[in-house]
Amino acid sequence: MQKLIEGIRQFQSNYVPSHQSLMKELSKGQHPRVLFIGCSDSRVSPEIITQSEIGDLFIIRNAGNIVPPFEATNGGEGATIEYAIDALDIKQVIICGHSQCGAMKGLLQLGELEEKMPLVYEWLHHAEATRKLVSDNYSHLEKKEMLNALVAENVLTQIDNLRTYPVIRSKLYAGDLSIHGWIYQIETGEVLSYDAETHAFMQPQTKLSEAQGITMGEMLAYAASTHAAPPSRSHSAQDHDHEQATDEASPSYLPGAARLSRQQAERIYRGSARM
């Protein structure tokens, strides 16, 4: 607590005097640019990760960066989403998962949670689509890699849940809203953004034409090993055939090939078929 009190004093003596114009502007009202939906994990700080200023982000945080489907619960998530989009006219939404997510670990052991943490057990039902998808399609993965799959697929599940809200559907139909799926790698500080057209995670600022995409399978394989640099490959039409031939000819080129059988590595490389 003493550390927090000292932080408050530093904020008041250093930050506030040097940001007088910002503080004055914020006193008149808020105009956040982004609705950020993230996990409550203490290692995930939206403002620090994005280097945002006070007032830039409107934030929802809960266990597992979960968005309950519309009318599935009377919790605060739905009301906050509605207020952010309708009242604050926010036009950008980010749903951000992260590596080593405790909520996703809970999905791997739901039976144990029912008695020990019944509220957590009930909350994770909003991620049942994630659990089912990974259970049916990633059963060949080891536990650590399956956790990475849960993290990635859960971001996409929660985007689907977000789309069930009338205010979201209306704004999307009018072209007035963009939804982004992110994964934050705690080990490296890296952030990857999902691209629906290529089913790949990419650096958020990287344009598709710059070809820095990481496929779902590659992202999962990379996330499973904190010792390797993230893969980055060109996917232009000109060298696609050459890369495909390289993949087939060189087992060591496949993500995870040093640790897994070729069959397992190939499965991880292909990634999820979910679009």
C-alpha atoms as a PDB file:
ATOM      1  CA  MET A   1       0.000   0.000   0.000  1.00  0.00           C
ATOM      2  CA  GLN A   2       2.871   2.362   0.768  1.00  0.00           C
ATOM      3  CA  LYS A   3       4.121   1.974  -2.801  1.00  0.00           C
ATOM      4  CA  LEU A   4       0.696   2.961  -4.140  1.00  0.00           C
ATOM      5  CA  ILE A   5       0.544   6.037  -1.907  1.00  0.00           C
ATOM      6  CA  GLU A   6       3.995   7.098  -3.084  1.00  0.00           C
ATOM      7  CA  GLY A   7       2.838   6.614  -6.653  1.00  0.00           C
ATOM      8  CA  ILE A   8      -0.137   8.899  -6.056  1.00  0.00           C
ATOM      9  CA  ARG A   9       2.156  11.579  -4.697  1.00  0.00           C
ATOM     10  CA  GLN A  10       4.468  11.304  -7.704  1.00  0.00           C
ATOM     11  CA  PHE A  11       1.464  11.505 -10.031  1.00  0.00           C
ATOM     12  CA  GLN A  12       0.220  14.658  -8.322  1.00  0.00           C
ATOM     13  CA  SER A  13       3.622  16.325  -8.106  1.00  0.00           C
ATOM     14  CA  ASN A  14       5.086  15.323 -11.488  1.00  0.00           C
ATOM     15  CA  TYR A  15       2.439  14.213 -13.985  1.00  0.00           C
ATOM     16  CA  VAL A  16      -0.389  16.625 -13.222  1.00  0.00           C
ATOM     17  CA  PRO A  17       1.697  19.834 -13.427  1.00  0.00           C
ATOM     18  CA  SER A  18       3.230  18.770 -16.748  1.00  0.00           C
ATOM     19  CA  HIS A  19      -0.148  17.818 -18.247  1.00  0.00           C
ATOM     20  CA  GLN A  20      -2.301  20.758 -17.251  1.00  0.00           C
ATOM     21  CA  SER A  21      -3.937  21.168 -20.667  1.00  0.00           C
ATOM     22  CA  LEU A  22      -4.846  17.486 -20.822  1.00  0.00           C
ATOM     23  CA  MET A  23      -6.270  17.483 -17.291  1.00  0.00           C
ATOM     24  CA  LYS A  24      -8.334  20.571 -18.101  1.00  0.00           C
ATOM     25  CA  GLU A  25      -9.680  18.957 -21.264  1.00  0.00           C
ATOM     26  CA  LEU A  26     -10.547  15.721 -19.443  1.00  0.00           C
ATOM     27  CA  SER A  27     -12.414  17.656 -16.760  1.00  0.00           C
ATOM     28  CA  LYS A  28     -14.938  18.655 -19.441  1.00  0.00           C
ATOM     29  CA  GLY A  29     -15.683  15.079 -20.502  1.00  0.00           C
ATOM     30  CA  GLN A  30     -14.185  11.916 -21.916  1.00  0.00           C
ATOM     31  CA  HIS A  31     -13.623  11.105 -25.565  1.00  0.00           C
ATOM     32  CA  PRO A  32     -11.813   7.751 -25.678  1.00  0.00           C
ATOM     33  CA  ARG A  33     -10.792   6.465 -29.084  1.00  0.00           C
ATOM     34  CA  VAL A  34     -10.826   2.731 -28.336  1.00  0.00           C
ATOM     35  CA  LEU A  35     -12.821   0.213 -26.315  1.00  0.00           C
ATOM     36  CA  PHE A  36     -10.204  -2.210 -25.002  1.00  0.00           C
ATOM     37  CA  ILE A  37     -11.488  -5.553 -23.688  1.00  0.00           C
ATOM     38  CA  GLY A  38      -8.712  -7.394 -21.901  1.00  0.00           C
ATOM     39  CA  CYS A  39      -7.937  -9.831 -19.116  1.00  0.00           C
ATOM     40  CA  SER A  40      -7.717  -8.868 -15.445  1.00  0.00           C
ATOM     41  CA  ASP A  41      -4.272 -10.477 -15.259  1.00  0.00           C
ATOM     42  CA  SER A  42      -1.955  -8.068 -13.439  1.00  0.00           C
ATOM     43  CA  ARG A  43       0.725  -8.613 -16.092  1.00  0.00           C
ATOM     44  CA  VAL A  44      -1.468  -7.121 -18.799  1.00  0.00           C
ATOM     45  CA  SER A  45      -1.659  -3.314 -18.669  1.00  0.00           C
ATOM     46  CA  PRO A  46      -3.480  -1.827 -21.692  1.00  0.00           C
ATOM     47  CA  GLU A  47      -2.190   1.701 -21.109  1.00  0.00           C
ATOM     48  CA  ILE A  48       1.435   0.614 -20.782  1.00  0.00           C
ATOM     49  CA  ILE A  49       1.314  -1.901 -23.642  1.00  0.00           C
ATOM     50  CA  THR A  50      -0.123   0.706 -26.027  1.00  0.00           C
ATOM     51  CA  GLN A  51       1.637   3.673 -24.394  1.00  0.00           C
ATOM     52  CA  SER A  52      -1.709   5.459 -24.259  1.00  0.00           C
ATOM     53  CA  GLU A  53      -2.462   8.724 -22.509  1.00  0.00           C
ATOM     54  CA  ILE A  54      -5.125   9.177 -19.857  1.00  0.00           C
ATOM     55  CA  GLY A  55      -8.501   9.317 -21.600  1.00  0.00           C
ATOM     56  CA  ASP A  56      -7.473   7.378 -24.712  1.00  0.00           C
ATOM     57  CA  LEU A  57      -8.859   3.958 -23.755  1.00  0.00           C
ATOM     58  CA  PHE A  58     -12.245   2.874 -22.423  1.00  0.00           C
ATOM     59  CA  ILE A  59     -11.453  -0.421 -20.707  1.00  0.00           C
ATOM     60  CA  ILE A  60     -13.255  -3.623 -19.756  1.00  0.00           C
ATOM     61  CA  ARG A  61     -11.167  -6.170 -17.870  1.00  0.00           C
ATOM     62  CA  ASN A  62     -12.252  -9.543 -16.538  1.00  0.00           C
ATOM     63  CA  ALA A  63     -10.989 -13.096 -16.198  1.00  0.00           C
ATOM     64  CA  GLY A  64     -10.260 -14.372 -19.694  1.00  0.00           C
ATOM     65  CA  ASN A  65     -11.130 -11.189 -21.653  1.00  0.00           C
ATOM     66  CA  ILE A  66     -14.616 -12.644 -22.023  1.00  0.00           C
ATOM     67  CA  VAL A  67     -17.635 -10.985 -23.655  1.00  0.00           C
ATOM     68  CA  PRO A  68     -20.843 -12.757 -22.585  1.00  0.00           C
ATOM     69  CA  PRO A  69     -23.278 -13.030 -25.518  1.00  0.00           C
ATOM     70  CA  PHE A  70     -26.091 -10.472 -25.577  1.00  0.00           C
ATOM     71  CA  GLU A  71     -28.642 -11.132 -22.795  1.00  0.00           C
ATOM     72  CA  ALA A  72     -26.620 -14.091 -21.491  1.00  0.00           C
ATOM     73  CA  THR A  73     -25.992 -12.212 -18.244  1.00  0.00           C
ATOM     74  CA  ASN A  74     -26.910  -8.954 -16.540  1.00  0.00           C
ATOM     75  CA  GLY A  75     -23.281  -8.194 -15.741  1.00  0.00           C
ATOM     76  CA  GLY A  76     -21.477  -4.973 -16.413  1.00  0.00           C
ATOM     77  CA  GLU A  77     -19.806  -6.019 -19.669  1.00  0.00           C
ATOM     78  CA  GLY A  78     -22.913  -5.576 -21.804  1.00  0.00           C
ATOM     79  CA  ALA A  79     -23.812  -2.227 -20.277  1.00  0.00           C
ATOM     80  CA  THR A  80     -20.253  -0.976 -20.700  1.00  0.00           C
ATOM     81  CA  ILE A  81     -20.148  -2.077 -24.330  1.00  0.00           C
ATOM     82  CA  GLU A  82     -23.457  -0.381 -25.062  1.00  0.00           C
ATOM     83  CA  TYR A  83     -22.362   2.847 -23.356  1.00  0.00           C
ATOM     84  CA  ALA A  84     -18.985   2.860 -25.108  1.00  0.00           C
ATOM     85  CA  ILE A  85     -20.454   2.472 -28.586  1.00  0.00           C
ATOM     86  CA  ASP A  86     -23.698   4.423 -28.267  1.00  0.00           C
ATOM     87  CA  ALA A  87     -22.881   7.185 -25.788  1.00  0.00           C
ATOM     88  CA  LEU A  88     -19.161   7.686 -26.404  1.00  0.00           C
ATOM     89  CA  ASP A  89     -19.319   6.905 -30.134  1.00  0.00           C
ATOM     90  CA  ILE A  90     -16.222   4.715 -30.003  1.00  0.00           C
ATOM     91  CA  LYS A  91     -15.409   3.266 -33.403  1.00  0.00           C
ATOM     92  CA  GLN A  92     -12.560   0.872 -32.584  1.00  0.00           C
ATOM     93  CA  VAL A  93     -12.808  -2.209 -30.355  1.00  0.00           C
ATOM     94  CA  ILE A  94      -9.900  -4.424 -29.340  1.00  0.00           C
ATOM     95  CA  ILE A  95     -10.306  -7.810 -27.675  1.00  0.00           C
ATOM     96  CA  CYS A  96      -6.915  -8.764 -26.284  1.00  0.00           C
ATOM     97  CA  GLY A  97      -5.928 -12.190 -25.012  1.00  0.00           C
ATOM     98  CA  HIS A  98      -2.519 -13.037 -23.614  1.00  0.00           C
ATOM     99  CA  SER A  99      -0.102 -15.899 -23.119  1.00  0.00           C
ATOM    100  CA  GLN A 100      -0.169 -17.926 -19.886  1.00  0.00           C
ATOM    101  CA  CYS A 101      -3.794 -16.950 -19.270  1.00  0.00           C
ATOM    102  CA  GLY A 102      -5.117 -18.416 -16.007  1.00  0.00           C
ATOM    103  CA  ALA A 103      -8.719 -18.387 -17.213  1.00  0.00           C
ATOM    104  CA  MET A 104      -7.760 -20.466 -20.235  1.00  0.00           C
ATOM    105  CA  LYS A 105      -5.890 -22.848 -17.941  1.00  0.00           C
ATOM    106  CA  GLY A 106      -9.177 -23.156 -16.074  1.00  0.00           C
ATOM    107  CA  LEU A 107     -10.894 -24.298 -19.265  1.00  0.00           C
ATOM    108  CA  LEU A 108      -8.514 -27.266 -19.309  1.00  0.00           C
ATOM    109  CA  GLN A 109      -9.706 -28.362 -15.857  1.00  0.00           C
ATOM    110  CA  LEU A 110     -13.338 -27.301 -15.574  1.00  0.00           C
ATOM    111  CA  GLY A 111     -14.251 -30.324 -13.479  1.00  0.00           C
ATOM    112  CA  GLU A 112     -11.912 -29.266 -10.685  1.00  0.00           C
ATOM    113  CA  LEU A 113     -13.186 -25.681 -10.752  1.00  0.00           C
ATOM    114  CA  GLU A 114     -16.859 -26.551 -10.209  1.00  0.00           C
ATOM    115  CA  GLU A 115     -16.282 -27.308  -6.532  1.00  0.00           C
ATOM    116  CA  LYS A 116     -13.249 -25.132  -5.744  1.00  0.00           C
ATOM    117  CA  MET A 117     -14.293 -21.925  -7.540  1.00  0.00           C
ATOM    118  CA  PRO A 118     -17.962 -22.170  -8.563  1.00  0.00           C
ATOM    119  CA  LEU A 119     -18.186 -18.551  -9.705  1.00  0.00           C
ATOM    120  CA  VAL A 120     -15.183 -18.962 -11.993  1.00  0.00           C
ATOM    121  CA  TYR A 121     -16.693 -22.206 -13.262  1.00  0.00           C
ATOM    122  CA  GLU A 122     -19.942 -20.452 -14.189  1.00  0.00           C
ATOM    123  CA  TRP A 123     -18.106 -17.499 -15.755  1.00  0.00           C
ATOM    124  CA  LEU A 124     -16.053 -19.736 -18.024  1.00  0.00           C
ATOM    125  CA  HIS A 125     -19.229 -21.107 -19.584  1.00  0.00           C
ATOM    126  CA  HIS A 126     -19.061 -17.996 -21.767  1.00  0.00           C
ATOM    127  CA  ALA A 127     -15.927 -19.535 -23.286  1.00  0.00           C
ATOM    128  CA  GLU A 128     -17.459 -22.968 -23.855  1.00  0.00           C
ATOM    129  CA  ALA A 129     -17.304 -22.500 -27.636  1.00  0.00           C
ATOM    130  CA  THR A 130     -13.556 -22.006 -27.271  1.00  0.00           C
ATOM    131  CA  ARG A 131     -13.137 -25.129 -25.138  1.00  0.00           C
ATOM    132  CA  LYS A 132     -15.208 -27.268 -27.519  1.00  0.00           C
ATOM    133  CA  LEU A 133     -13.415 -26.009 -30.633  1.00  0.00           C
ATOM    134  CA  VAL A 134      -9.961 -26.664 -29.186  1.00  0.00           C
ATOM    135  CA  SER A 135     -10.977 -30.023 -27.708  1.00  0.00           C
ATOM    136  CA  ASP A 136     -12.285 -31.222 -31.071  1.00  0.00           C
ATOM    137  CA  ASN A 137      -9.604 -29.740 -33.333  1.00  0.00           C
ATOM    138  CA  TYR A 138      -6.406 -29.499 -31.271  1.00  0.00           C
ATOM    139  CA  SER A 139      -6.488 -32.812 -29.393  1.00  0.00           C
ATOM    140  CA  HIS A 140      -3.086 -33.749 -30.844  1.00  0.00           C
ATOM    141  CA  LEU A 141      -1.347 -30.898 -29.004  1.00  0.00           C
ATOM    142  CA  GLU A 142       0.523 -31.156 -25.736  1.00  0.00           C
ATOM    143  CA  LYS A 143      -0.994 -29.297 -22.769  1.00  0.00           C
ATOM    144  CA  LYS A 144       1.183 -26.180 -23.113  1.00  0.00           C
ATOM    145  CA  GLU A 145       0.462 -25.858 -26.820  1.00  0.00           C
ATOM    146  CA  MET A 146      -3.231 -26.504 -26.240  1.00  0.00           C
ATOM    147  CA  LEU A 147      -3.236 -23.580 -23.812  1.00  0.00           C
ATOM    148  CA  ASN A 148      -1.810 -21.377 -26.562  1.00  0.00           C
ATOM    149  CA  ALA A 149      -4.571 -22.606 -28.876  1.00  0.00           C
ATOM    150  CA  LEU A 150      -7.184 -21.731 -26.258  1.00  0.00           C
ATOM    151  CA  VAL A 151      -5.786 -18.215 -25.895  1.00  0.00           C
ATOM    152  CA  ALA A 152      -5.848 -17.623 -29.653  1.00  0.00           C
ATOM    153  CA  GLU A 153      -9.222 -19.192 -30.378  1.00  0.00           C
ATOM    154  CA  ASN A 154     -10.818 -17.503 -27.375  1.00  0.00           C
ATOM    155  CA  VAL A 155     -10.073 -14.089 -28.848  1.00  0.00           C
ATOM    156  CA  LEU A 156     -12.027 -15.113 -31.940  1.00  0.00           C
ATOM    157  CA  THR A 157     -14.848 -16.621 -29.868  1.00  0.00           C
ATOM    158  CA  GLN A 158     -15.254 -13.397 -27.926  1.00  0.00           C
ATOM    159  CA  ILE A 159     -15.354 -11.391 -31.153  1.00  0.00           C
ATOM    160  CA  ASP A 160     -18.237 -13.648 -32.216  1.00  0.00           C
ATOM    161  CA  ASN A 161     -19.944 -13.000 -28.875  1.00  0.00           C
ATOM    162  CA  LEU A 162     -19.438  -9.258 -29.263  1.00  0.00           C
ATOM    163  CA  ARG A 163     -21.203  -9.348 -32.622  1.00  0.00           C
ATOM    164  CA  THR A 164     -24.414 -10.557 -30.915  1.00  0.00           C
ATOM    165  CA  TYR A 165     -24.991  -7.092 -29.395  1.00  0.00           C
ATOM    166  CA  PRO A 166     -27.538  -5.018 -31.365  1.00  0.00           C
ATOM    167  CA  VAL A 167     -25.476  -1.839 -31.088  1.00  0.00           C
ATOM    168  CA  ILE A 168     -22.431  -3.663 -32.442  1.00  0.00           C
ATOM    169  CA  ARG A 169     -24.302  -5.253 -35.348  1.00  0.00           C
ATOM    170  CA  SER A 170     -25.848  -1.922 -36.280  1.00  0.00           C
ATOM    171  CA  LYS A 171     -22.512  -0.088 -36.275  1.00  0.00           C
ATOM    172  CA  LEU A 172     -20.792  -2.863 -38.214  1.00  0.00           C
ATOM    173  CA  TYR A 173     -23.566  -2.845 -40.815  1.00  0.00           C
ATOM    174  CA  ALA A 174     -23.151   0.897 -41.267  1.00  0.00           C
ATOM    175  CA  GLY A 175     -19.375   0.559 -41.518  1.00  0.00           C
ATOM    176  CA  ASP A 176     -18.890   2.715 -38.430  1.00  0.00           C
ATOM    177  CA  LEU A 177     -17.050   0.179 -36.279  1.00  0.00           C
ATOM    178  CA  SER A 178     -13.919  -1.966 -36.480  1.00  0.00           C
ATOM    179  CA  ILE A 179     -13.153  -4.944 -34.234  1.00  0.00           C
ATOM    180  CA  HIS A 180      -9.596  -6.149 -33.689  1.00  0.00           C
ATOM    181  CA  GLY A 181      -8.309  -9.341 -32.074  1.00  0.00           C
ATOM    182  CA  TRP A 182      -4.949  -9.112 -30.302  1.00  0.00           C
ATOM    183  CA  ILE A 183      -2.691 -11.478 -28.435  1.00  0.00           C
ATOM    184  CA  TYR A 184      -0.128 -10.091 -26.006  1.00  0.00           C
ATOM    185  CA  GLN A 185       2.951 -12.235 -25.392  1.00  0.00           C
ATOM    186  CA  ILE A 186       3.958 -11.680 -21.775  1.00  0.00           C
ATOM    187  CA  GLU A 187       7.360 -13.275 -22.341  1.00  0.00           C
ATOM    188  CA  THR A 188       8.469 -10.838 -25.031  1.00  0.00           C
ATOM    189  CA  GLY A 189       6.073  -7.883 -24.858  1.00  0.00           C
ATOM    190  CA  GLU A 190       5.062  -8.565 -28.463  1.00  0.00           C
ATOM    191  CA  VAL A 191       1.513  -7.895 -29.666  1.00  0.00           C
ATOM    192  CA  LEU A 192       0.008  -9.739 -32.629  1.00  0.00           C
ATOM    193  CA  SER A 193      -3.201  -8.713 -34.391  1.00  0.00           C
ATOM    194  CA  TYR A 194      -5.550 -11.142 -36.135  1.00  0.00           C
ATOM    195  CA  ASP A 195      -6.184 -10.758 -39.867  1.00  0.00           C
ATOM    196  CA  ALA A 196      -9.389 -12.541 -40.904  1.00  0.00           C
ATOM    197  CA  GLU A 197      -8.573 -12.690 -44.606  1.00  0.00           C
ATOM    198  CA  THR A 198      -5.322 -14.601 -44.141  1.00  0.00           C
ATOM    199  CA  HIS A 199      -6.207 -16.249 -40.821  1.00  0.00           C
ATOM    200  CA  ALA A 200      -2.900 -14.921 -39.514  1.00  0.00           C
ATOM    201  CA  PHE A 201      -1.629 -12.894 -36.601  1.00  0.00           C
ATOM    202  CA  MET A 202       0.418  -9.873 -37.633  1.00  0.00           C
ATOM    203  CA  GLN A 203       2.166  -6.878 -36.134  1.00  0.00           C
ATOM    204  CA  PRO A 204      -0.729  -4.379 -35.710  1.00  0.00           C
ATOM    205  CA  GLN A 205       1.005  -1.638 -37.695  1.00  0.00           C
ATOM    206  CA  THR A 206       2.078  -3.944 -40.513  1.00  0.00           C
ATOM    207  CA  LYS A 207       0.132  -3.784 -43.757  1.00  0.00           C
ATOM    208  CA  LEU A 208      -0.816  -7.042 -45.436  1.00  0.00           C
ATOM    209  CA  SER A 209       1.210  -6.064 -48.506  1.00  0.00           C
ATOM    210  CA  GLU A 210       4.343  -6.022 -46.369  1.00  0.00           C
ATOM    211  CA  ALA A 211       3.857  -9.742 -45.795  1.00  0.00           C
ATOM    212  CA  GLN A 212       4.854 -10.038 -42.150  1.00  0.00           C
ATOM    213  CA  GLY A 213       2.011 -12.383 -41.268  1.00  0.00           C
ATOM    214  CA  ILE A 214       2.251 -15.277 -38.828  1.00  0.00           C
ATOM    215  CA  THR A 215      -0.274 -18.041 -39.422  1.00  0.00           C
ATOM    216  CA  MET A 216      -2.400 -19.322 -36.567  1.00  0.00           C
ATOM    217  CA  GLY A 217      -0.334 -22.482 -36.464  1.00  0.00           C
ATOM    218  CA  GLU A 218       2.961 -20.610 -36.451  1.00  0.00           C
ATOM    219  CA  MET A 219       1.741 -18.286 -33.715  1.00  0.00           C
ATOM    220  CA  LEU A 220       0.808 -21.242 -31.523  1.00  0.00           C
ATOM    221  CA  ALA A 221       4.117 -22.964 -32.133  1.00  0.00           C
ATOM    222  CA  TYR A 222       6.032 -19.771 -31.375  1.00  0.00           C
ATOM    223  CA  ALA A 223       4.036 -19.124 -28.235  1.00  0.00           C
ATOM    224  CA  ALA A 224       4.819 -22.657 -27.044  1.00  0.00           C
ATOM    225  CA  SER A 225       8.526 -21.846 -26.995  1.00  0.00           C
ATOM    226  CA  THR A 226       9.848 -18.666 -25.398  1.00  0.00           C
ATOM    227  CA  HIS A 227      13.372 -19.413 -26.614  1.00  0.00           C
ATOM    228  CA  ALA A 228      12.735 -18.962 -30.320  1.00  0.00           C
ATOM    229  CA  ALA A 229      12.222 -15.742 -32.250  1.00  0.00           C
ATOM    230  CA  PRO A 230       8.746 -15.393 -33.782  1.00  0.00           C
ATOM    231  CA  PRO A 231       8.546 -16.667 -37.361  1.00  0.00           C
ATOM    232  CA  SER A 232       8.077 -14.151 -40.158  1.00  0.00           C
ATOM    233  CA  ARG A 233       7.663 -15.189 -43.771  1.00  0.00           C
ATOM    234  CA  SER A 234       6.683 -13.574 -47.042  1.00  0.00           C
ATOM    235  CA  HIS A 235       3.439 -14.804 -48.553  1.00  0.00           C
ATOM    236  CA  SER A 236       3.442 -12.945 -51.845  1.00  0.00           C
ATOM    237  CA  ALA A 237       2.061 -14.686 -54.925  1.00  0.00           C
ATOM    238  CA  GLN A 238       5.528 -14.656 -56.488  1.00  0.00           C
ATOM    239  CA  ASP A 239       7.252 -16.856 -53.930  1.00  0.00           C
ATOM    240  CA  HIS A 240       4.336 -18.896 -52.606  1.00  0.00           C
ATOM    241  CA  ASP A 241       5.195 -21.944 -54.696  1.00  0.00           C
ATOM    242  CA  HIS A 242       8.832 -21.787 -53.629  1.00  0.00           C
ATOM    243  CA  GLU A 243       7.880 -21.655 -49.931  1.00  0.00           C
ATOM    244  CA  GLN A 244       5.501 -24.560 -50.283  1.00  0.00           C
ATOM    245  CA  ALA A 245       8.265 -26.643 -51.814  1.00  0.00           C
ATOM    246  CA  THR A 246      10.631 -25.609 -49.018  1.00  0.00           C
ATOM    247  CA  ASP A 247       8.084 -26.609 -46.383  1.00  0.00           C
ATOM    248  CA  GLU A 248       7.690 -30.055 -47.870  1.00  0.00           C
ATOM    249  CA  ALA A 249      11.374 -30.641 -48.428  1.00  0.00           C
ATOM    250  CA  SER A 250      12.754 -29.470 -45.073  1.00  0.00           C
ATOM    251  CA  PRO A 251      11.296 -30.944 -41.849  1.00  0.00           C
ATOM    252  CA  SER A 252      13.345 -28.491 -39.769  1.00  0.00           C
ATOM    253  CA  TYR A 253      11.516 -25.577 -41.393  1.00  0.00           C
ATOM    254  CA  LEU A 254       8.241 -26.569 -39.756  1.00  0.00           C
ATOM    255  CA  PRO A 255       7.458 -24.758 -36.492  1.00  0.00           C
ATOM    256  CA  GLY A 256       8.188 -27.003 -33.526  1.00  0.00           C
ATOM    257  CA  ALA A 257      10.003 -29.582 -35.676  1.00  0.00           C
ATOM    258  CA  ALA A 258      12.888 -29.711 -33.218  1.00  0.00           C
ATOM    259  CA  ARG A 259      10.553 -30.820 -30.423  1.00  0.00           C
ATOM    260  CA  LEU A 260       7.742 -32.660 -32.180  1.00  0.00           C
ATOM    261  CA  SER A 261       7.269 -35.413 -34.712  1.00  0.00           C
ATOM    262  CA  ARG A 262       6.914 -34.243 -38.307  1.00  0.00           C
ATOM    263  CA  GLN A 263       3.214 -35.164 -38.238  1.00  0.00           C
ATOM    264  CA  GLN A 264       2.609 -33.056 -35.114  1.00  0.00           C
ATOM    265  CA  ALA A 265       4.632 -30.144 -36.502  1.00  0.00           C
ATOM    266  CA  GLU A 266       2.655 -30.210 -39.740  1.00  0.00           C
ATOM    267  CA  ARG A 267      -0.615 -30.149 -37.823  1.00  0.00           C
ATOM    268  CA  ILE A 268       0.511 -27.189 -35.753  1.00  0.00           C
ATOM    269  CA  TYR A 269       1.751 -25.432 -38.888  1.00  0.00           C
ATOM    270  CA  ARG A 270      -1.638 -25.766 -40.591  1.00  0.00           C
ATOM    271  CA  GLY A 271      -3.277 -24.248 -37.530  1.00  0.00           C
ATOM    272  CA  SER A 272      -6.983 -23.853 -37.038  1.00  0.00           C
ATOM    273  CA  ALA A 273      -9.411 -24.037 -39.932  1.00  0.00           C
ATOM    274  CA  ARG A 274     -11.658 -21.496 -38.234  1.00  0.00           C
ATOM    275  CA  MET A 275     -12.341 -18.289 -40.195  1.00  0.00           C
END
